[in-house]
Amino acid sequence: MKRASALLKERERILRELEGLEELRRGSVVAQYFPRPRRGKEVTAVRGPYPLFSCKRGGRAVGFRIHSEAELRRLERQVGDFHRFRRLCQRLVELGEALCELREDQEK
């Protein structure tokens, strides 16, 4: 019974945390660099980093350059919240399975 109570408590905590998530965005925020060849030299320098948001739309990878610090922070938060959402959902499934197994053991 203690184990079931602990699992239910964690389940409730996860559901409350999920309720607080509002803006979710699939994709990633990455730093983009461009090679800059130097005249008469073998070694290339790079320009950047330029923040870039990339995602899949219509089955194709697309990317958008991020132009402001506020936009960068907003996109990082949205992408981070989406990854948090996926982790929480995975944990919620694991808890549900554990509860099923506990209840099956109690019925035996």
N, C-alpha and C. Protein backbone atom coordinates (compact mmCIF):
# COMPACT_ATOMS: atom_id res chain seq x y z
N MET A 1 0.82 -1.20 0.00
CA MET A 1 0.00 0.00 0.00
C MET A 1 0.86 1.26 0.00
N LYS A 2 2.00 1.20 0.73
CA LYS A 2 2.89 2.36 0.76
C LYS A 2 3.39 2.69 -0.63
N ARG A 3 3.74 1.64 -1.38
CA ARG A 3 4.27 1.82 -2.73
C ARG A 3 3.21 2.46 -3.64
N ALA A 4 1.99 1.99 -3.55
CA ALA A 4 0.91 2.55 -4.37
C ALA A 4 0.66 4.01 -4.01
N SER A 5 0.70 4.31 -2.74
CA SER A 5 0.50 5.69 -2.30
C SER A 5 1.60 6.61 -2.83
N ALA A 6 2.83 6.14 -2.81
CA ALA A 6 3.96 6.94 -3.31
C ALA A 6 3.83 7.15 -4.82
N LEU A 7 3.41 6.11 -5.53
CA LEU A 7 3.24 6.22 -6.97
C LEU A 7 2.12 7.20 -7.33
N LEU A 8 1.03 7.13 -6.58
CA LEU A 8 -0.10 8.05 -6.83
C LEU A 8 0.29 9.49 -6.52
N LYS A 9 1.09 9.68 -5.47
CA LYS A 9 1.56 11.02 -5.13
C LYS A 9 2.43 11.60 -6.24
N GLU A 10 3.33 10.78 -6.75
CA GLU A 10 4.19 11.24 -7.85
C GLU A 10 3.37 11.52 -9.10
N ARG A 11 2.36 10.70 -9.34
CA ARG A 11 1.48 10.90 -10.49
C ARG A 11 0.77 12.25 -10.39
N GLU A 12 0.26 12.56 -9.21
CA GLU A 12 -0.41 13.85 -9.00
C GLU A 12 0.55 15.02 -9.21
N ARG A 13 1.80 14.87 -8.74
CA ARG A 13 2.80 15.92 -8.92
C ARG A 13 3.07 16.16 -10.40
N ILE A 14 3.19 15.08 -11.16
CA ILE A 14 3.45 15.19 -12.59
C ILE A 14 2.27 15.86 -13.30
N LEU A 15 1.05 15.47 -12.94
CA LEU A 15 -0.13 16.07 -13.56
C LEU A 15 -0.21 17.57 -13.28
N ARG A 16 0.15 17.99 -12.06
CA ARG A 16 0.18 19.42 -11.74
C ARG A 16 1.24 20.14 -12.57
N GLU A 17 2.39 19.50 -12.74
CA GLU A 17 3.46 20.09 -13.53
C GLU A 17 3.06 20.20 -15.00
N LEU A 18 2.39 19.20 -15.52
CA LEU A 18 1.90 19.24 -16.91
C LEU A 18 0.89 20.36 -17.10
N GLU A 19 0.07 20.57 -16.09
CA GLU A 19 -0.95 21.61 -16.16
C GLU A 19 -0.33 23.00 -16.31
N GLY A 20 0.87 23.18 -15.77
CA GLY A 20 1.54 24.47 -15.82
C GLY A 20 2.24 24.77 -17.14
N LEU A 21 2.36 23.79 -18.02
CA LEU A 21 3.02 24.00 -19.30
C LEU A 21 2.04 24.63 -20.28
N GLU A 22 2.43 25.73 -20.89
CA GLU A 22 1.53 26.41 -21.82
C GLU A 22 2.05 26.42 -23.25
N GLU A 23 3.26 26.93 -23.44
CA GLU A 23 3.80 27.09 -24.79
C GLU A 23 4.80 25.98 -25.07
N LEU A 24 4.44 25.09 -25.98
CA LEU A 24 5.30 23.97 -26.34
C LEU A 24 5.65 24.09 -27.82
N ARG A 25 6.90 23.87 -28.14
CA ARG A 25 7.31 23.94 -29.55
C ARG A 25 8.30 22.82 -29.85
N ARG A 26 8.00 22.02 -30.88
CA ARG A 26 8.93 20.99 -31.33
C ARG A 26 10.05 21.65 -32.13
N GLY A 27 11.24 21.10 -32.02
CA GLY A 27 12.37 21.62 -32.78
C GLY A 27 13.57 21.79 -31.87
N SER A 28 14.53 22.58 -32.34
CA SER A 28 15.72 22.83 -31.52
C SER A 28 16.29 24.20 -31.86
N VAL A 29 16.99 24.75 -30.90
CA VAL A 29 17.70 26.00 -31.08
C VAL A 29 19.18 25.64 -31.10
N VAL A 30 19.85 25.99 -32.18
CA VAL A 30 21.26 25.63 -32.35
C VAL A 30 22.06 26.86 -32.74
N ALA A 31 23.39 26.74 -32.63
CA ALA A 31 24.29 27.80 -33.08
C ALA A 31 24.79 27.42 -34.46
N GLN A 32 24.67 28.34 -35.39
CA GLN A 32 25.08 28.10 -36.77
C GLN A 32 26.36 28.88 -37.04
N TYR A 33 27.30 28.23 -37.73
CA TYR A 33 28.57 28.86 -38.10
C TYR A 33 28.75 28.74 -39.61
N PHE A 34 29.41 29.74 -40.20
CA PHE A 34 29.71 29.71 -41.62
C PHE A 34 31.22 29.79 -41.81
N PRO A 35 31.77 28.97 -42.70
CA PRO A 35 33.20 29.07 -42.97
C PRO A 35 33.50 30.36 -43.74
N ARG A 36 34.61 30.98 -43.42
CA ARG A 36 35.02 32.20 -44.11
C ARG A 36 36.44 31.99 -44.61
N PRO A 37 36.57 31.70 -45.90
CA PRO A 37 37.91 31.47 -46.42
C PRO A 37 38.75 32.75 -46.34
N ARG A 38 39.99 32.57 -45.97
CA ARG A 38 40.90 33.72 -45.89
C ARG A 38 41.76 33.74 -47.15
N ARG A 39 42.00 34.89 -47.66
CA ARG A 39 42.76 35.02 -48.91
C ARG A 39 44.17 34.47 -48.76
N GLY A 40 44.50 33.57 -49.66
CA GLY A 40 45.84 33.06 -49.72
C GLY A 40 46.24 32.12 -48.59
N LYS A 41 45.30 31.70 -47.77
CA LYS A 41 45.61 30.81 -46.66
C LYS A 41 44.76 29.55 -46.75
N GLU A 42 45.32 28.45 -46.32
CA GLU A 42 44.61 27.18 -46.31
C GLU A 42 43.55 27.13 -45.21
N VAL A 43 43.87 27.72 -44.07
CA VAL A 43 42.99 27.65 -42.90
C VAL A 43 41.79 28.56 -43.12
N THR A 44 40.63 28.05 -42.79
CA THR A 44 39.43 28.89 -42.90
C THR A 44 39.01 29.33 -41.50
N ALA A 45 38.55 30.52 -41.42
CA ALA A 45 37.97 31.04 -40.18
C ALA A 45 36.47 30.82 -40.25
N VAL A 46 35.79 31.00 -39.15
CA VAL A 46 34.34 30.85 -39.15
C VAL A 46 33.68 32.13 -38.69
N ARG A 47 32.50 32.35 -39.24
CA ARG A 47 31.67 33.47 -38.78
C ARG A 47 30.55 32.88 -37.94
N GLY A 48 30.22 33.54 -36.90
CA GLY A 48 29.13 33.05 -36.06
C GLY A 48 29.52 33.13 -34.61
N PRO A 49 28.77 32.63 -33.72
CA PRO A 49 27.57 31.82 -33.94
C PRO A 49 26.34 32.68 -34.23
N TYR A 50 25.49 32.14 -35.07
CA TYR A 50 24.20 32.74 -35.36
C TYR A 50 23.14 31.79 -34.82
N PRO A 51 22.28 32.24 -33.91
CA PRO A 51 21.25 31.34 -33.38
C PRO A 51 20.23 31.02 -34.46
N LEU A 52 19.84 29.73 -34.49
CA LEU A 52 18.93 29.24 -35.50
C LEU A 52 17.92 28.31 -34.85
N PHE A 53 16.66 28.49 -35.20
CA PHE A 53 15.61 27.55 -34.77
C PHE A 53 15.35 26.62 -35.94
N SER A 54 15.42 25.30 -35.69
CA SER A 54 15.13 24.35 -36.76
C SER A 54 14.07 23.38 -36.29
N CYS A 55 13.24 22.94 -37.27
CA CYS A 55 12.16 22.00 -36.97
C CYS A 55 11.74 21.32 -38.27
N LYS A 56 10.83 20.37 -38.15
CA LYS A 56 10.29 19.70 -39.33
C LYS A 56 8.88 20.22 -39.58
N ARG A 57 8.62 20.61 -40.81
CA ARG A 57 7.29 21.05 -41.21
C ARG A 57 6.95 20.40 -42.53
N GLY A 58 5.85 19.72 -42.57
CA GLY A 58 5.44 19.05 -43.79
C GLY A 58 6.45 18.00 -44.25
N GLY A 59 7.12 17.37 -43.29
CA GLY A 59 8.08 16.33 -43.62
C GLY A 59 9.44 16.85 -44.05
N ARG A 60 9.65 18.15 -44.01
CA ARG A 60 10.93 18.74 -44.41
C ARG A 60 11.53 19.51 -43.25
N ALA A 61 12.84 19.51 -43.20
CA ALA A 61 13.55 20.29 -42.17
C ALA A 61 13.61 21.74 -42.63
N VAL A 62 13.22 22.63 -41.73
CA VAL A 62 13.29 24.07 -42.02
C VAL A 62 14.00 24.76 -40.87
N GLY A 63 14.61 25.88 -41.16
CA GLY A 63 15.30 26.64 -40.13
C GLY A 63 15.01 28.11 -40.27
N PHE A 64 14.97 28.78 -39.13
CA PHE A 64 14.71 30.21 -39.11
C PHE A 64 15.79 30.89 -38.28
N ARG A 65 16.37 31.93 -38.80
CA ARG A 65 17.37 32.68 -38.07
C ARG A 65 16.68 33.47 -36.96
N ILE A 66 17.28 33.48 -35.80
CA ILE A 66 16.74 34.20 -34.64
C ILE A 66 17.46 35.55 -34.58
N HIS A 67 16.68 36.64 -34.56
CA HIS A 67 17.28 37.96 -34.69
C HIS A 67 17.41 38.74 -33.39
N SER A 68 16.68 38.36 -32.38
CA SER A 68 16.76 39.14 -31.14
C SER A 68 16.98 38.23 -29.94
N GLU A 69 17.54 38.79 -28.91
CA GLU A 69 17.79 38.04 -27.67
C GLU A 69 16.47 37.59 -27.03
N ALA A 70 15.45 38.43 -27.10
CA ALA A 70 14.14 38.07 -26.53
C ALA A 70 13.53 36.88 -27.28
N GLU A 71 13.65 36.89 -28.61
CA GLU A 71 13.13 35.78 -29.41
C GLU A 71 13.90 34.49 -29.11
N LEU A 72 15.21 34.61 -28.93
CA LEU A 72 16.05 33.45 -28.59
C LEU A 72 15.61 32.85 -27.26
N ARG A 73 15.43 33.68 -26.24
CA ARG A 73 15.01 33.19 -24.92
C ARG A 73 13.63 32.54 -24.99
N ARG A 74 12.71 33.15 -25.75
CA ARG A 74 11.35 32.61 -25.87
C ARG A 74 11.38 31.24 -26.55
N LEU A 75 12.11 31.11 -27.63
CA LEU A 75 12.17 29.83 -28.34
C LEU A 75 12.87 28.76 -27.51
N GLU A 76 13.94 29.13 -26.80
CA GLU A 76 14.62 28.17 -25.93
C GLU A 76 13.68 27.67 -24.84
N ARG A 77 12.88 28.57 -24.28
CA ARG A 77 11.92 28.17 -23.24
C ARG A 77 10.85 27.25 -23.81
N GLN A 78 10.32 27.58 -24.99
CA GLN A 78 9.27 26.76 -25.60
C GLN A 78 9.78 25.37 -25.97
N VAL A 79 10.97 25.31 -26.54
CA VAL A 79 11.55 24.01 -26.90
C VAL A 79 11.88 23.21 -25.64
N GLY A 80 12.41 23.89 -24.62
CA GLY A 80 12.71 23.23 -23.36
C GLY A 80 11.45 22.68 -22.69
N ASP A 81 10.38 23.45 -22.76
CA ASP A 81 9.11 22.98 -22.18
C ASP A 81 8.56 21.77 -22.93
N PHE A 82 8.77 21.74 -24.25
CA PHE A 82 8.33 20.57 -25.02
C PHE A 82 9.10 19.32 -24.60
N HIS A 83 10.41 19.46 -24.43
CA HIS A 83 11.21 18.31 -23.99
C HIS A 83 10.82 17.89 -22.58
N ARG A 84 10.53 18.85 -21.72
CA ARG A 84 10.05 18.54 -20.37
C ARG A 84 8.72 17.80 -20.43
N PHE A 85 7.81 18.25 -21.31
CA PHE A 85 6.52 17.60 -21.51
C PHE A 85 6.70 16.13 -21.90
N ARG A 86 7.61 15.86 -22.83
CA ARG A 86 7.84 14.49 -23.26
C ARG A 86 8.39 13.62 -22.14
N ARG A 87 9.32 14.17 -21.34
CA ARG A 87 9.87 13.41 -20.20
C ARG A 87 8.78 13.12 -19.17
N LEU A 88 7.95 14.12 -18.89
CA LEU A 88 6.87 13.94 -17.91
C LEU A 88 5.86 12.90 -18.39
N CYS A 89 5.52 12.94 -19.68
CA CYS A 89 4.58 11.95 -20.22
C CYS A 89 5.16 10.55 -20.14
N GLN A 90 6.43 10.41 -20.43
CA GLN A 90 7.08 9.10 -20.34
C GLN A 90 7.02 8.59 -18.90
N ARG A 91 7.32 9.46 -17.95
CA ARG A 91 7.27 9.07 -16.54
C ARG A 91 5.85 8.71 -16.12
N LEU A 92 4.87 9.45 -16.63
CA LEU A 92 3.47 9.18 -16.31
C LEU A 92 3.07 7.78 -16.80
N VAL A 93 3.51 7.39 -17.98
CA VAL A 93 3.24 6.05 -18.50
C VAL A 93 3.91 5.01 -17.61
N GLU A 94 5.16 5.25 -17.21
CA GLU A 94 5.86 4.31 -16.33
C GLU A 94 5.14 4.14 -15.01
N LEU A 95 4.64 5.24 -14.45
CA LEU A 95 3.89 5.16 -13.19
C LEU A 95 2.59 4.38 -13.37
N GLY A 96 1.91 4.62 -14.49
CA GLY A 96 0.67 3.90 -14.77
C GLY A 96 0.90 2.40 -14.87
N GLU A 97 1.98 2.03 -15.54
CA GLU A 97 2.31 0.60 -15.65
C GLU A 97 2.64 0.00 -14.29
N ALA A 98 3.39 0.74 -13.48
CA ALA A 98 3.74 0.25 -12.14
C ALA A 98 2.49 0.07 -11.28
N LEU A 99 1.55 1.01 -11.39
CA LEU A 99 0.29 0.88 -10.64
C LEU A 99 -0.51 -0.33 -11.12
N CYS A 100 -0.53 -0.57 -12.41
CA CYS A 100 -1.23 -1.75 -12.95
C CYS A 100 -0.64 -3.02 -12.37
N GLU A 101 0.67 -3.10 -12.36
CA GLU A 101 1.34 -4.30 -11.85
C GLU A 101 1.07 -4.49 -10.36
N LEU A 102 1.08 -3.40 -9.60
CA LEU A 102 0.78 -3.49 -8.17
C LEU A 102 -0.63 -4.03 -7.93
N ARG A 103 -1.58 -3.49 -8.68
CA ARG A 103 -2.97 -3.90 -8.50
C ARG A 103 -3.18 -5.35 -8.95
N GLU A 104 -2.46 -5.77 -9.99
CA GLU A 104 -2.56 -7.15 -10.42
C GLU A 104 -2.01 -8.09 -9.35
N ASP A 105 -0.90 -7.68 -8.71
CA ASP A 105 -0.30 -8.49 -7.64
C ASP A 105 -1.25 -8.58 -6.44
N GLN A 106 -1.97 -7.49 -6.15
CA GLN A 106 -2.90 -7.49 -5.02
C GLN A 106 -4.09 -8.40 -5.26
N GLU A 107 -4.48 -8.55 -6.52
CA GLU A 107 -5.64 -9.39 -6.85
C GLU A 107 -5.33 -10.87 -6.75
N LYS A 108 -4.06 -11.21 -6.81
CA LYS A 108 -3.67 -12.63 -6.77
C LYS A 108 -3.81 -13.22 -5.40
